[in-house]
């Protein structure tokens, strides 16, 4: 069994039910990476897997950036494994922002580190901040890649594990799933 899958199962991070994802899509399964991250030794192991894959692909950053909430802790662990600094972006009035005196040096190579990538929406809110600083995002990274893609908008996606978990648009939810009360486990404020 894949080490990341083993750790997800061991930490009860794979949930089943009816979930409204931060992307706006619905799913019958949800990866609650916070359950994995609550075990520092598991988080460290997964970060080392991500760092190892980045090294294999020669994608070596000057800085790791984790979008809050889900990316903060894992980005610090990946940064530790790579020997680089780590910062985070956070939402201010529902807009991703760089605060707390954090800076991104012009010309630096940055990786965005998330817990889960589904559509890449949260990642690209942070990509915009990096690019506005005159730096380059060399990879999107995560514990779990749910996107089914090896790159999004030309940026490589490097994850500890890729999982194919089915999602549906709000107007296309299967009847049996629609009967289950919906839960919204993510951290992004949604209009719906």
N, C-alpha and C. Protein backbone atom coordinates (compact mmCIF):
# COMPACT_ATOMS: atom_id res chain seq x y z
N UNK A 1 0.84 -1.18 0.00
CA UNK A 1 0.00 0.00 0.00
C UNK A 1 0.89 1.24 0.00
N UNK A 2 0.48 2.27 -0.74
CA UNK A 2 1.18 3.53 -0.78
C UNK A 2 1.27 4.12 0.63
N UNK A 3 2.43 4.67 0.99
CA UNK A 3 2.65 5.20 2.34
C UNK A 3 1.67 6.32 2.67
N UNK A 4 1.38 7.21 1.72
CA UNK A 4 0.46 8.32 1.98
C UNK A 4 -0.95 7.79 2.23
N UNK A 5 -1.40 6.84 1.44
CA UNK A 5 -2.72 6.24 1.65
C UNK A 5 -2.77 5.57 3.02
N UNK A 6 -1.70 4.88 3.36
CA UNK A 6 -1.62 4.23 4.68
C UNK A 6 -1.80 5.26 5.80
N UNK A 7 -1.12 6.40 5.68
CA UNK A 7 -1.21 7.44 6.71
C UNK A 7 -2.58 8.11 6.74
N UNK A 8 -3.19 8.30 5.56
CA UNK A 8 -4.55 8.86 5.50
C UNK A 8 -5.54 7.94 6.21
N UNK A 9 -5.42 6.65 5.97
CA UNK A 9 -6.31 5.68 6.61
C UNK A 9 -6.05 5.59 8.10
N UNK A 10 -4.78 5.55 8.47
CA UNK A 10 -4.38 5.43 9.87
C UNK A 10 -4.89 6.61 10.71
N UNK A 11 -4.99 7.78 10.09
CA UNK A 11 -5.41 8.99 10.81
C UNK A 11 -6.90 9.29 10.65
N UNK A 12 -7.65 8.39 10.01
CA UNK A 12 -9.09 8.60 9.75
C UNK A 12 -9.35 9.89 8.98
N UNK A 13 -8.50 10.18 8.00
CA UNK A 13 -8.62 11.39 7.20
C UNK A 13 -9.54 11.24 6.00
N UNK A 14 -9.94 10.02 5.65
CA UNK A 14 -10.84 9.80 4.51
C UNK A 14 -12.27 9.66 5.04
N UNK A 15 -13.11 10.63 4.70
CA UNK A 15 -14.50 10.66 5.18
C UNK A 15 -15.46 10.28 4.05
N UNK A 16 -16.60 9.71 4.43
CA UNK A 16 -17.64 9.37 3.46
C UNK A 16 -18.94 10.03 3.87
N UNK A 17 -19.73 10.51 2.90
CA UNK A 17 -20.99 11.20 3.14
C UNK A 17 -21.32 12.07 1.94
N UNK A 18 -21.89 13.26 2.18
CA UNK A 18 -22.21 14.22 1.12
C UNK A 18 -21.53 15.54 1.49
N UNK A 19 -20.55 15.94 0.68
CA UNK A 19 -19.72 17.08 1.01
C UNK A 19 -19.79 18.16 -0.06
N UNK A 20 -19.90 19.40 0.37
CA UNK A 20 -19.79 20.56 -0.50
C UNK A 20 -18.34 21.03 -0.40
N UNK A 21 -17.61 20.91 -1.49
CA UNK A 21 -16.19 21.26 -1.51
C UNK A 21 -16.03 22.77 -1.70
N UNK A 22 -14.86 23.28 -1.34
CA UNK A 22 -14.63 24.72 -1.50
C UNK A 22 -14.64 25.13 -2.97
N UNK A 23 -14.51 24.18 -3.88
CA UNK A 23 -14.60 24.45 -5.32
C UNK A 23 -16.05 24.68 -5.76
N UNK A 24 -17.02 24.36 -4.88
CA UNK A 24 -18.44 24.46 -5.24
C UNK A 24 -19.01 23.15 -5.72
N UNK A 25 -18.15 22.17 -5.95
CA UNK A 25 -18.61 20.85 -6.39
C UNK A 25 -19.02 20.00 -5.18
N UNK A 26 -19.75 18.93 -5.45
CA UNK A 26 -20.20 18.01 -4.41
C UNK A 26 -19.45 16.69 -4.57
N UNK A 27 -19.25 15.97 -3.46
CA UNK A 27 -18.54 14.69 -3.49
C UNK A 27 -19.11 13.76 -2.43
N UNK A 28 -18.91 12.46 -2.64
CA UNK A 28 -19.34 11.48 -1.64
C UNK A 28 -18.18 11.06 -0.72
N UNK A 29 -16.99 11.60 -1.01
CA UNK A 29 -15.82 11.34 -0.16
C UNK A 29 -15.07 12.65 0.03
N UNK A 30 -14.41 12.76 1.16
CA UNK A 30 -13.67 13.98 1.47
C UNK A 30 -12.39 13.59 2.20
N UNK A 31 -11.31 14.21 1.82
CA UNK A 31 -10.05 13.99 2.51
C UNK A 31 -9.89 15.13 3.52
N UNK A 32 -9.96 14.81 4.80
CA UNK A 32 -9.80 15.81 5.86
C UNK A 32 -8.35 15.73 6.33
N UNK A 33 -7.47 16.42 5.58
CA UNK A 33 -6.03 16.35 5.87
C UNK A 33 -5.69 16.84 7.27
N UNK A 34 -6.56 17.64 7.87
CA UNK A 34 -6.30 18.08 9.25
C UNK A 34 -6.17 16.88 10.19
N UNK A 35 -6.88 15.80 9.89
CA UNK A 35 -6.78 14.58 10.71
C UNK A 35 -5.39 13.96 10.58
N UNK A 36 -4.83 14.01 9.39
CA UNK A 36 -3.46 13.52 9.19
C UNK A 36 -2.46 14.46 9.85
N UNK A 37 -2.66 15.76 9.66
CA UNK A 37 -1.72 16.77 10.15
C UNK A 37 -1.70 16.82 11.68
N UNK A 38 -2.78 16.39 12.34
CA UNK A 38 -2.78 16.44 13.80
C UNK A 38 -1.73 15.49 14.39
N UNK A 39 -1.20 14.61 13.57
CA UNK A 39 -0.12 13.71 13.97
C UNK A 39 1.18 14.23 13.35
N UNK A 40 1.99 14.97 14.10
CA UNK A 40 3.20 15.58 13.52
C UNK A 40 4.10 14.58 12.79
N UNK A 41 4.19 13.35 13.29
CA UNK A 41 5.06 12.38 12.62
C UNK A 41 4.51 12.00 11.24
N UNK A 42 3.18 11.95 11.08
CA UNK A 42 2.58 11.65 9.77
C UNK A 42 2.80 12.82 8.82
N UNK A 43 2.60 14.02 9.34
CA UNK A 43 2.79 15.23 8.53
C UNK A 43 4.23 15.31 8.03
N UNK A 44 5.16 15.02 8.91
CA UNK A 44 6.57 15.04 8.53
C UNK A 44 6.87 14.01 7.44
N UNK A 45 6.31 12.80 7.59
CA UNK A 45 6.53 11.76 6.57
C UNK A 45 5.99 12.17 5.21
N UNK A 46 4.78 12.72 5.19
CA UNK A 46 4.17 13.13 3.92
C UNK A 46 4.97 14.29 3.31
N UNK A 47 5.42 15.23 4.14
CA UNK A 47 6.23 16.35 3.64
C UNK A 47 7.52 15.84 3.01
N UNK A 48 8.12 14.83 3.61
CA UNK A 48 9.34 14.26 3.05
C UNK A 48 9.07 13.58 1.70
N UNK A 49 7.90 12.97 1.57
CA UNK A 49 7.52 12.36 0.28
C UNK A 49 7.41 13.45 -0.78
N UNK A 50 6.71 14.55 -0.45
CA UNK A 50 6.56 15.67 -1.40
C UNK A 50 7.93 16.24 -1.75
N UNK A 51 8.76 16.50 -0.74
CA UNK A 51 10.10 17.06 -0.98
C UNK A 51 10.93 16.13 -1.87
N UNK A 52 10.83 14.83 -1.63
CA UNK A 52 11.56 13.87 -2.45
C UNK A 52 11.15 13.92 -3.91
N UNK A 53 9.84 14.04 -4.15
CA UNK A 53 9.35 14.13 -5.53
C UNK A 53 9.79 15.42 -6.20
N UNK A 54 9.81 16.52 -5.44
CA UNK A 54 10.29 17.79 -6.00
C UNK A 54 11.77 17.68 -6.37
N UNK A 55 12.56 17.06 -5.51
CA UNK A 55 13.99 16.88 -5.78
C UNK A 55 14.20 16.01 -7.02
N UNK A 56 13.41 14.94 -7.15
CA UNK A 56 13.52 14.06 -8.33
C UNK A 56 13.25 14.82 -9.62
N UNK A 57 12.35 15.79 -9.57
CA UNK A 57 11.98 16.58 -10.75
C UNK A 57 12.83 17.84 -10.89
N UNK A 58 13.80 18.00 -9.98
CA UNK A 58 14.67 19.18 -9.96
C UNK A 58 13.86 20.48 -9.86
N UNK A 59 12.80 20.45 -9.06
CA UNK A 59 11.98 21.63 -8.80
C UNK A 59 12.31 22.13 -7.40
N UNK A 60 13.42 22.85 -7.29
CA UNK A 60 13.93 23.28 -6.00
C UNK A 60 13.60 24.75 -5.77
N UNK A 61 12.74 25.02 -4.78
CA UNK A 61 12.29 26.39 -4.55
C UNK A 61 13.21 27.17 -3.62
N UNK A 62 13.05 28.49 -3.67
CA UNK A 62 13.69 29.38 -2.70
C UNK A 62 12.74 29.62 -1.52
N UNK A 63 11.43 29.33 -1.74
CA UNK A 63 10.41 29.65 -0.75
C UNK A 63 9.21 28.73 -0.92
N UNK A 64 8.64 28.30 0.21
CA UNK A 64 7.38 27.55 0.20
C UNK A 64 6.28 28.46 0.70
N UNK A 65 5.15 28.48 -0.01
CA UNK A 65 4.02 29.32 0.37
C UNK A 65 2.79 28.46 0.54
N UNK A 66 2.18 28.51 1.73
CA UNK A 66 0.98 27.72 2.01
C UNK A 66 -0.23 28.61 2.18
N UNK A 67 -1.23 28.47 1.31
CA UNK A 67 -2.47 29.23 1.52
C UNK A 67 -3.19 28.76 2.79
N UNK A 68 -3.61 29.71 3.61
CA UNK A 68 -4.35 29.36 4.83
C UNK A 68 -5.75 28.89 4.44
N UNK A 69 -6.23 27.97 5.07
CA UNK A 69 -5.83 27.34 6.30
C UNK A 69 -5.04 26.06 6.02
N UNK A 70 -5.53 25.29 5.06
CA UNK A 70 -5.01 23.94 4.86
C UNK A 70 -3.54 23.83 4.49
N UNK A 71 -2.96 24.87 3.89
CA UNK A 71 -1.59 24.78 3.43
C UNK A 71 -0.54 25.22 4.43
N UNK A 72 -0.96 25.84 5.53
CA UNK A 72 0.02 26.45 6.45
C UNK A 72 0.97 25.41 7.05
N UNK A 73 0.44 24.41 7.71
CA UNK A 73 1.30 23.46 8.42
C UNK A 73 2.10 22.59 7.46
N UNK A 74 1.45 22.06 6.43
CA UNK A 74 2.18 21.19 5.49
C UNK A 74 3.26 21.98 4.75
N UNK A 75 3.04 23.27 4.47
CA UNK A 75 4.08 24.04 3.78
C UNK A 75 5.31 24.21 4.67
N UNK A 76 5.10 24.38 5.97
CA UNK A 76 6.24 24.50 6.88
C UNK A 76 7.01 23.18 6.97
N UNK A 77 6.31 22.07 6.93
CA UNK A 77 6.99 20.77 6.97
C UNK A 77 7.75 20.50 5.66
N UNK A 78 7.14 20.86 4.53
CA UNK A 78 7.84 20.70 3.24
C UNK A 78 9.07 21.61 3.22
N UNK A 79 8.91 22.84 3.71
CA UNK A 79 10.05 23.77 3.76
C UNK A 79 11.18 23.21 4.63
N UNK A 80 10.80 22.61 5.75
CA UNK A 80 11.82 22.00 6.63
C UNK A 80 12.56 20.89 5.88
N UNK A 81 11.81 20.06 5.15
CA UNK A 81 12.42 18.95 4.40
C UNK A 81 13.33 19.45 3.28
N UNK A 82 13.00 20.62 2.73
CA UNK A 82 13.79 21.18 1.63
C UNK A 82 14.86 22.17 2.10
N UNK A 83 14.77 22.60 3.36
CA UNK A 83 15.72 23.57 3.88
C UNK A 83 15.48 24.98 3.37
N UNK A 84 14.21 25.34 3.17
CA UNK A 84 13.87 26.68 2.69
C UNK A 84 12.93 27.37 3.68
N UNK A 85 12.79 28.69 3.58
CA UNK A 85 11.80 29.39 4.40
C UNK A 85 10.37 29.06 3.93
N UNK A 86 9.42 29.33 4.82
CA UNK A 86 8.00 29.13 4.50
C UNK A 86 7.19 30.31 5.01
N UNK A 87 6.22 30.73 4.18
CA UNK A 87 5.29 31.78 4.57
C UNK A 87 3.89 31.30 4.20
N UNK A 88 2.89 32.13 4.52
CA UNK A 88 1.53 31.77 4.11
C UNK A 88 0.74 32.99 3.68
N UNK A 89 -0.25 32.74 2.85
CA UNK A 89 -1.24 33.75 2.49
C UNK A 89 -2.50 33.43 3.29
N UNK A 90 -3.35 34.44 3.44
CA UNK A 90 -4.60 34.24 4.18
C UNK A 90 -5.67 35.15 3.60
N UNK A 91 -6.90 34.81 3.89
CA UNK A 91 -8.02 35.60 3.38
C UNK A 91 -8.29 36.81 4.27
N UNK A 92 -8.44 37.95 3.61
CA UNK A 92 -8.87 39.18 4.26
C UNK A 92 -10.09 39.64 3.46
N UNK A 93 -11.24 39.70 4.11
CA UNK A 93 -12.50 40.01 3.42
C UNK A 93 -12.70 39.09 2.21
N UNK A 94 -12.38 37.80 2.41
CA UNK A 94 -12.55 36.74 1.42
C UNK A 94 -11.62 36.88 0.20
N UNK A 95 -10.55 37.65 0.33
CA UNK A 95 -9.56 37.81 -0.74
C UNK A 95 -8.21 37.34 -0.20
N UNK A 96 -7.55 36.44 -0.93
CA UNK A 96 -6.25 35.93 -0.50
C UNK A 96 -5.25 37.08 -0.49
N UNK A 97 -4.50 37.19 0.62
CA UNK A 97 -3.59 38.32 0.82
C UNK A 97 -2.29 37.85 1.48
N UNK A 98 -1.24 38.62 1.27
CA UNK A 98 0.04 38.39 1.93
C UNK A 98 0.15 39.45 3.03
N UNK A 99 0.27 39.01 4.28
CA UNK A 99 0.28 39.92 5.42
C UNK A 99 1.41 39.55 6.37
N UNK A 100 1.33 40.06 7.58
CA UNK A 100 2.20 39.71 8.70
C UNK A 100 3.68 40.02 8.44
N UNK A 101 3.94 40.92 7.51
CA UNK A 101 5.32 41.28 7.22
C UNK A 101 6.02 40.30 6.29
N UNK A 102 5.29 39.29 5.78
CA UNK A 102 5.89 38.35 4.84
C UNK A 102 6.21 39.06 3.53
N UNK A 103 7.31 38.67 2.91
CA UNK A 103 7.71 39.23 1.62
C UNK A 103 8.15 38.11 0.69
N UNK A 104 7.94 38.35 -0.59
CA UNK A 104 8.40 37.43 -1.63
C UNK A 104 9.40 38.20 -2.47
N UNK A 105 10.63 37.72 -2.49
CA UNK A 105 11.67 38.43 -3.23
C UNK A 105 11.46 38.29 -4.73
N UNK A 106 11.66 39.39 -5.42
CA UNK A 106 11.57 39.40 -6.87
C UNK A 106 12.58 38.39 -7.44
N UNK A 107 12.14 37.61 -8.42
CA UNK A 107 13.01 36.63 -9.06
C UNK A 107 13.12 35.30 -8.33
N UNK A 108 12.52 35.18 -7.16
CA UNK A 108 12.62 33.92 -6.43
C UNK A 108 11.72 32.85 -7.03
N UNK A 109 12.09 31.59 -6.76
CA UNK A 109 11.31 30.44 -7.21
C UNK A 109 10.49 29.94 -6.02
N UNK A 110 9.19 29.83 -6.23
CA UNK A 110 8.26 29.54 -5.14
C UNK A 110 7.44 28.30 -5.48
N UNK A 111 7.16 27.49 -4.46
CA UNK A 111 6.16 26.43 -4.62
C UNK A 111 4.97 26.78 -3.72
N UNK A 112 3.79 26.49 -4.23
CA UNK A 112 2.56 26.64 -3.46
C UNK A 112 2.30 25.26 -2.85
N UNK A 113 2.08 25.20 -1.53
CA UNK A 113 1.89 23.93 -0.84
C UNK A 113 0.50 23.91 -0.21
N UNK A 114 -0.32 22.97 -0.65
CA UNK A 114 -1.71 22.84 -0.18
C UNK A 114 -1.89 21.50 0.53
N UNK A 115 -3.00 21.36 1.23
CA UNK A 115 -3.35 20.05 1.74
C UNK A 115 -3.95 19.21 0.62
N UNK A 116 -4.94 19.77 -0.10
CA UNK A 116 -5.60 19.08 -1.20
C UNK A 116 -5.75 20.04 -2.38
N UNK A 117 -5.47 19.56 -3.58
CA UNK A 117 -5.75 20.32 -4.79
C UNK A 117 -6.87 19.61 -5.53
N UNK A 118 -7.96 20.34 -5.76
CA UNK A 118 -9.08 19.78 -6.54
C UNK A 118 -9.16 20.50 -7.88
N UNK A 119 -9.43 21.82 -7.84
CA UNK A 119 -9.48 22.60 -9.09
C UNK A 119 -8.27 23.52 -9.22
N UNK A 120 -7.59 23.76 -8.12
CA UNK A 120 -6.46 24.68 -8.13
C UNK A 120 -6.86 26.12 -7.83
N UNK A 121 -8.14 26.37 -7.54
CA UNK A 121 -8.62 27.74 -7.31
C UNK A 121 -7.85 28.44 -6.19
N UNK A 122 -7.75 27.82 -5.02
CA UNK A 122 -7.03 28.45 -3.90
C UNK A 122 -5.56 28.66 -4.25
N UNK A 123 -4.97 27.66 -4.90
CA UNK A 123 -3.56 27.77 -5.28
C UNK A 123 -3.34 28.98 -6.19
N UNK A 124 -4.23 29.16 -7.16
CA UNK A 124 -4.03 30.24 -8.13
C UNK A 124 -4.31 31.62 -7.55
N UNK A 125 -5.05 31.68 -6.45
CA UNK A 125 -5.17 32.96 -5.75
C UNK A 125 -3.81 33.35 -5.18
N UNK A 126 -3.05 32.37 -4.72
CA UNK A 126 -1.70 32.62 -4.20
C UNK A 126 -0.69 32.80 -5.33
N UNK A 127 -0.87 32.08 -6.43
CA UNK A 127 0.02 32.26 -7.60
C UNK A 127 0.00 33.72 -8.03
N UNK A 128 -1.18 34.32 -8.05
CA UNK A 128 -1.31 35.72 -8.45
C UNK A 128 -0.46 36.63 -7.55
N UNK A 129 -0.48 36.37 -6.26
CA UNK A 129 0.31 37.17 -5.31
C UNK A 129 1.80 37.01 -5.59
N UNK A 130 2.22 35.78 -5.85
CA UNK A 130 3.64 35.51 -6.16
C UNK A 130 4.05 36.24 -7.43
N UNK A 131 3.24 36.13 -8.46
CA UNK A 131 3.57 36.78 -9.74
C UNK A 131 3.58 38.29 -9.63
N UNK A 132 2.67 38.85 -8.83
CA UNK A 132 2.65 40.30 -8.62
C UNK A 132 3.92 40.78 -7.92
N UNK A 133 4.57 39.89 -7.17
CA UNK A 133 5.84 40.23 -6.50
C UNK A 133 7.04 40.07 -7.43
N UNK A 134 6.79 39.60 -8.65
CA UNK A 134 7.89 39.42 -9.60
C UNK A 134 8.63 38.11 -9.43
N UNK A 135 7.98 37.15 -8.75
CA UNK A 135 8.59 35.84 -8.54
C UNK A 135 7.88 34.81 -9.42
N UNK A 136 8.41 33.58 -9.42
CA UNK A 136 7.90 32.53 -10.30
C UNK A 136 7.44 31.32 -9.47
N UNK A 137 6.23 30.85 -9.76
CA UNK A 137 5.75 29.61 -9.14
C UNK A 137 6.24 28.46 -10.01
N UNK A 138 7.06 27.59 -9.42
CA UNK A 138 7.63 26.48 -10.19
C UNK A 138 6.85 25.18 -10.02
N UNK A 139 5.97 25.11 -9.00
CA UNK A 139 5.13 23.92 -8.82
C UNK A 139 4.00 24.21 -7.84
N UNK A 140 2.90 23.51 -8.05
CA UNK A 140 1.81 23.44 -7.09
C UNK A 140 1.99 22.09 -6.41
N UNK A 141 2.01 22.06 -5.09
CA UNK A 141 2.22 20.81 -4.40
C UNK A 141 1.10 20.60 -3.37
N UNK A 142 0.90 19.33 -3.01
CA UNK A 142 -0.16 19.02 -2.04
C UNK A 142 0.06 17.63 -1.46
N UNK A 143 -0.64 17.39 -0.36
CA UNK A 143 -0.68 16.04 0.18
C UNK A 143 -1.45 15.17 -0.81
N UNK A 144 -2.65 15.64 -1.20
CA UNK A 144 -3.51 14.88 -2.11
C UNK A 144 -3.84 15.72 -3.34
N UNK A 145 -3.63 15.14 -4.50
CA UNK A 145 -4.03 15.76 -5.77
C UNK A 145 -5.33 15.08 -6.21
N UNK A 146 -6.42 15.82 -6.16
CA UNK A 146 -7.71 15.31 -6.63
C UNK A 146 -8.04 15.81 -8.02
N UNK A 147 -7.18 16.63 -8.61
CA UNK A 147 -7.49 17.28 -9.88
C UNK A 147 -7.46 16.32 -11.06
N UNK A 148 -6.71 15.22 -10.94
CA UNK A 148 -6.55 14.31 -12.07
C UNK A 148 -5.58 14.85 -13.11
N UNK A 149 -4.85 15.91 -12.77
CA UNK A 149 -3.94 16.55 -13.72
C UNK A 149 -2.52 16.56 -13.17
N UNK A 150 -1.55 16.50 -14.10
CA UNK A 150 -0.13 16.62 -13.73
C UNK A 150 0.34 18.06 -13.79
N UNK A 151 -0.49 18.93 -14.39
CA UNK A 151 -0.19 20.36 -14.42
C UNK A 151 -1.51 21.11 -14.55
N UNK A 152 -1.53 22.31 -14.01
CA UNK A 152 -2.70 23.18 -14.11
C UNK A 152 -2.21 24.53 -14.59
N UNK A 153 -2.78 25.00 -15.69
CA UNK A 153 -2.38 26.28 -16.29
C UNK A 153 -0.87 26.36 -16.52
N UNK A 154 -0.28 25.23 -16.93
CA UNK A 154 1.14 25.19 -17.25
C UNK A 154 2.07 25.02 -16.07
N UNK A 155 1.54 24.91 -14.86
CA UNK A 155 2.38 24.74 -13.67
C UNK A 155 2.29 23.28 -13.22
N UNK A 156 3.44 22.61 -13.04
CA UNK A 156 3.43 21.22 -12.62
C UNK A 156 2.74 21.04 -11.25
N UNK A 157 2.03 19.92 -11.10
CA UNK A 157 1.41 19.54 -9.83
C UNK A 157 2.20 18.35 -9.29
N UNK A 158 2.76 18.51 -8.08
CA UNK A 158 3.56 17.47 -7.45
C UNK A 158 2.93 17.18 -6.09
N UNK A 159 2.40 15.97 -5.92
CA UNK A 159 1.70 15.63 -4.69
C UNK A 159 2.21 14.32 -4.12
N UNK A 160 1.99 14.14 -2.83
CA UNK A 160 2.35 12.87 -2.19
C UNK A 160 1.55 11.74 -2.82
N UNK A 161 0.26 12.00 -3.14
CA UNK A 161 -0.60 10.98 -3.74
C UNK A 161 -1.66 11.65 -4.61
N UNK A 162 -2.02 10.99 -5.70
CA UNK A 162 -3.16 11.42 -6.51
C UNK A 162 -4.29 10.43 -6.27
N UNK A 163 -5.47 10.96 -5.95
CA UNK A 163 -6.64 10.12 -5.72
C UNK A 163 -7.76 10.56 -6.64
N UNK A 164 -8.43 9.59 -7.22
CA UNK A 164 -9.57 9.86 -8.09
C UNK A 164 -10.84 9.75 -7.25
N UNK A 165 -11.32 10.88 -6.79
CA UNK A 165 -12.55 10.93 -6.00
C UNK A 165 -13.56 11.72 -6.81
N UNK A 166 -14.67 11.08 -7.11
CA UNK A 166 -15.66 11.66 -8.00
C UNK A 166 -16.31 12.90 -7.41
N UNK A 167 -16.54 13.91 -8.26
CA UNK A 167 -17.25 15.13 -7.87
C UNK A 167 -18.36 15.42 -8.87
N UNK A 168 -19.33 16.20 -8.41
CA UNK A 168 -20.46 16.58 -9.26
C UNK A 168 -20.74 18.06 -9.12
N UNK A 169 -21.22 18.66 -10.22
CA UNK A 169 -21.69 20.04 -10.17
C UNK A 169 -22.99 20.07 -9.37
N UNK A 170 -23.33 21.23 -8.77
CA UNK A 170 -24.54 21.31 -7.93
C UNK A 170 -25.83 20.89 -8.64
N UNK A 171 -25.89 21.08 -9.95
CA UNK A 171 -27.12 20.72 -10.68
C UNK A 171 -27.08 19.30 -11.26
N UNK A 172 -26.07 18.52 -10.88
CA UNK A 172 -25.90 17.18 -11.43
C UNK A 172 -25.61 16.14 -10.34
N UNK A 173 -26.10 16.39 -9.12
CA UNK A 173 -25.83 15.49 -7.99
C UNK A 173 -26.68 14.23 -8.14
N UNK A 174 -26.07 13.04 -8.00
CA UNK A 174 -26.85 11.80 -8.06
C UNK A 174 -27.96 11.78 -7.00
N UNK A 175 -29.06 11.16 -7.35
CA UNK A 175 -30.23 11.15 -6.47
C UNK A 175 -29.92 10.59 -5.08
N UNK A 176 -29.17 9.49 -5.01
CA UNK A 176 -28.87 8.90 -3.70
C UNK A 176 -28.00 9.82 -2.84
N UNK A 177 -27.10 10.57 -3.48
CA UNK A 177 -26.26 11.52 -2.74
C UNK A 177 -27.08 12.72 -2.28
N UNK A 178 -28.00 13.18 -3.11
CA UNK A 178 -28.84 14.33 -2.78
C UNK A 178 -29.70 14.08 -1.54
N UNK A 179 -29.98 12.82 -1.23
CA UNK A 179 -30.80 12.47 -0.07
C UNK A 179 -30.03 12.60 1.26
N UNK A 180 -28.70 12.66 1.17
CA UNK A 180 -27.85 12.75 2.37
C UNK A 180 -27.63 14.23 2.69
N UNK A 181 -27.78 14.64 3.96
CA UNK A 181 -27.52 16.04 4.32
C UNK A 181 -26.08 16.43 3.94
N UNK A 182 -25.96 17.62 3.39
CA UNK A 182 -24.66 18.08 2.90
C UNK A 182 -23.84 18.68 4.06
N UNK A 183 -22.55 18.38 4.05
CA UNK A 183 -21.61 18.95 5.01
C UNK A 183 -20.62 19.80 4.22
N UNK A 184 -20.15 20.90 4.81
CA UNK A 184 -19.14 21.74 4.19
C UNK A 184 -17.91 21.77 5.10
N UNK A 185 -16.99 20.83 4.89
CA UNK A 185 -15.83 20.72 5.79
C UNK A 185 -14.69 21.67 5.49
N UNK A 186 -14.64 22.30 4.32
CA UNK A 186 -13.51 23.17 3.96
C UNK A 186 -13.53 24.47 4.72
N UNK A 187 -12.52 25.32 4.47
CA UNK A 187 -12.38 26.56 5.23
C UNK A 187 -12.77 27.81 4.44
N UNK A 188 -12.96 27.69 3.11
CA UNK A 188 -13.25 28.88 2.33
C UNK A 188 -14.71 29.27 2.48
N UNK A 189 -14.96 30.57 2.72
CA UNK A 189 -16.33 31.08 2.82
C UNK A 189 -16.95 31.01 1.44
N UNK A 190 -18.17 30.46 1.39
CA UNK A 190 -18.85 30.32 0.10
C UNK A 190 -20.14 31.11 0.10
N UNK A 191 -20.56 31.57 -1.08
CA UNK A 191 -21.79 32.33 -1.21
C UNK A 191 -23.01 31.43 -1.16
N UNK A 192 -22.85 30.16 -1.55
CA UNK A 192 -24.00 29.24 -1.61
C UNK A 192 -24.00 28.32 -0.44
